[in-house]
Amino acid sequence: MRDNESERNTRYRTITVTVDEVNDRTRAIAEMDWNDLKLVGVGRTRPGEEFPSRAAERLSVTRALSDLVARLNA
């Protein structure tokens, strides 16, 4: 396949991730438009989990993206 052919067949998707604190728990929401669908994945730290703030944010984002993938594959 020539380079310009592969560029024409490339698809790009954008995932928007927001992170906030709700009831002392870190929450992340991942949103993506897929064809005519808007998919949303949510991830949170669980009660009793204690992490430095950046680690809690990363864990919540990871869980939100995992939830988004599960919904995409459903």
C-alpha atoms as a PDB file:
ATOM      1  CA  MET A   1       0.000   0.000   0.000  1.00  0.00           C
ATOM      2  CA  ARG A   2       1.362   3.415  -0.881  1.00  0.00           C
ATOM      3  CA  ASP A   3       1.805   6.019   1.867  1.00  0.00           C
ATOM      4  CA  ASN A   4      -0.889   8.343   0.534  1.00  0.00           C
ATOM      5  CA  GLU A   5      -3.384   5.453   0.372  1.00  0.00           C
ATOM      6  CA  SER A   6      -2.848   4.558   4.031  1.00  0.00           C
ATOM      7  CA  GLU A   7      -3.324   8.209   5.026  1.00  0.00           C
ATOM      8  CA  ARG A   8      -6.713   8.317   3.296  1.00  0.00           C
ATOM      9  CA  ASN A   9      -7.874   5.228   5.195  1.00  0.00           C
ATOM     10  CA  THR A  10      -6.766   6.480   8.603  1.00  0.00           C
ATOM     11  CA  ARG A  11      -9.514   7.125  11.142  1.00  0.00           C
ATOM     12  CA  TYR A  12      -9.029   9.332  14.186  1.00  0.00           C
ATOM     13  CA  ARG A  13     -11.125   9.316  17.349  1.00  0.00           C
ATOM     14  CA  THR A  14     -10.891  11.778  20.195  1.00  0.00           C
ATOM     15  CA  ILE A  15     -11.470  10.758  23.789  1.00  0.00           C
ATOM     16  CA  THR A  16     -12.171  13.523  26.289  1.00  0.00           C
ATOM     17  CA  VAL A  17     -11.341  12.733  29.907  1.00  0.00           C
ATOM     18  CA  THR A  18     -12.426  14.898  32.829  1.00  0.00           C
ATOM     19  CA  VAL A  19     -11.353  14.311  36.418  1.00  0.00           C
ATOM     20  CA  ASP A  20     -12.961  15.652  39.584  1.00  0.00           C
ATOM     21  CA  GLU A  21     -13.446  14.927  43.271  1.00  0.00           C
ATOM     22  CA  VAL A  22     -16.833  13.702  44.505  1.00  0.00           C
ATOM     23  CA  ASN A  23     -17.395  12.824  48.173  1.00  0.00           C
ATOM     24  CA  ASP A  24     -13.627  12.543  48.791  1.00  0.00           C
ATOM     25  CA  ARG A  25     -13.274  10.116  45.880  1.00  0.00           C
ATOM     26  CA  THR A  26     -11.537  10.821  42.584  1.00  0.00           C
ATOM     27  CA  ARG A  27     -13.789  10.346  39.549  1.00  0.00           C
ATOM     28  CA  ALA A  28     -12.856  10.307  35.863  1.00  0.00           C
ATOM     29  CA  ILE A  29     -15.269  10.409  32.935  1.00  0.00           C
ATOM     30  CA  ALA A  30     -14.087   9.361  29.458  1.00  0.00           C
ATOM     31  CA  GLU A  31     -16.282  10.377  26.501  1.00  0.00           C
ATOM     32  CA  MET A  32     -15.969   9.421  22.841  1.00  0.00           C
ATOM     33  CA  ASP A  33     -18.163   9.802  19.772  1.00  0.00           C
ATOM     34  CA  TRP A  34     -18.265   6.614  17.719  1.00  0.00           C
ATOM     35  CA  ASN A  35     -20.265   6.868  14.514  1.00  0.00           C
ATOM     36  CA  ASP A  36     -23.724   7.921  15.767  1.00  0.00           C
ATOM     37  CA  LEU A  37     -23.088   6.921  19.393  1.00  0.00           C
ATOM     38  CA  LYS A  38     -21.693   8.867  22.323  1.00  0.00           C
ATOM     39  CA  LEU A  39     -19.898   6.415  24.584  1.00  0.00           C
ATOM     40  CA  VAL A  40     -19.140   7.265  28.209  1.00  0.00           C
ATOM     41  CA  GLY A  41     -16.913   5.379  30.624  1.00  0.00           C
ATOM     42  CA  VAL A  42     -16.654   6.178  34.329  1.00  0.00           C
ATOM     43  CA  GLY A  43     -13.898   5.297  36.791  1.00  0.00           C
ATOM     44  CA  ARG A  44     -13.601   6.075  40.491  1.00  0.00           C
ATOM     45  CA  THR A  45     -11.432   5.327  43.427  1.00  0.00           C
ATOM     46  CA  ARG A  46     -13.210   2.994  45.808  1.00  0.00           C
ATOM     47  CA  PRO A  47     -14.078   3.749  49.423  1.00  0.00           C
ATOM     48  CA  GLY A  48     -11.084   3.000  51.582  1.00  0.00           C
ATOM     49  CA  GLU A  49      -8.534   3.328  48.766  1.00  0.00           C
ATOM     50  CA  GLU A  50      -5.986   5.941  49.700  1.00  0.00           C
ATOM     51  CA  PHE A  51      -3.392   7.171  47.235  1.00  0.00           C
ATOM     52  CA  PRO A  52      -1.390  10.301  46.639  1.00  0.00           C
ATOM     53  CA  SER A  53      -3.619  12.616  44.570  1.00  0.00           C
ATOM     54  CA  ARG A  54      -1.823  12.010  41.240  1.00  0.00           C
ATOM     55  CA  ALA A  55      -1.993   8.223  41.683  1.00  0.00           C
ATOM     56  CA  ALA A  56      -5.721   8.401  42.464  1.00  0.00           C
ATOM     57  CA  GLU A  57      -6.240  10.488  39.322  1.00  0.00           C
ATOM     58  CA  ARG A  58      -4.309   8.030  37.149  1.00  0.00           C
ATOM     59  CA  LEU A  59      -6.166   5.055  38.580  1.00  0.00           C
ATOM     60  CA  SER A  60      -9.544   6.705  37.988  1.00  0.00           C
ATOM     61  CA  VAL A  61      -8.609   7.575  34.395  1.00  0.00           C
ATOM     62  CA  THR A  62      -7.455   3.993  33.796  1.00  0.00           C
ATOM     63  CA  ARG A  63     -10.744   2.658  35.128  1.00  0.00           C
ATOM     64  CA  ALA A  64     -12.756   5.126  33.018  1.00  0.00           C
ATOM     65  CA  LEU A  65     -10.908   4.109  29.849  1.00  0.00           C
ATOM     66  CA  SER A  66     -11.393   0.435  30.699  1.00  0.00           C
ATOM     67  CA  ASP A  67     -15.127   1.049  31.166  1.00  0.00           C
ATOM     68  CA  LEU A  68     -15.223   2.901  27.841  1.00  0.00           C
ATOM     69  CA  VAL A  69     -13.560  -0.040  26.049  1.00  0.00           C
ATOM     70  CA  ALA A  70     -16.056  -2.456  27.605  1.00  0.00           C
ATOM     71  CA  ARG A  71     -18.934  -0.331  26.321  1.00  0.00           C
ATOM     72  CA  LEU A  72     -17.337  -0.090  22.874  1.00  0.00           C
ATOM     73  CA  ASN A  73     -17.043  -3.877  22.703  1.00  0.00           C
ATOM     74  CA  ALA A  74     -20.571  -4.527  24.045  1.00  0.00           C
END
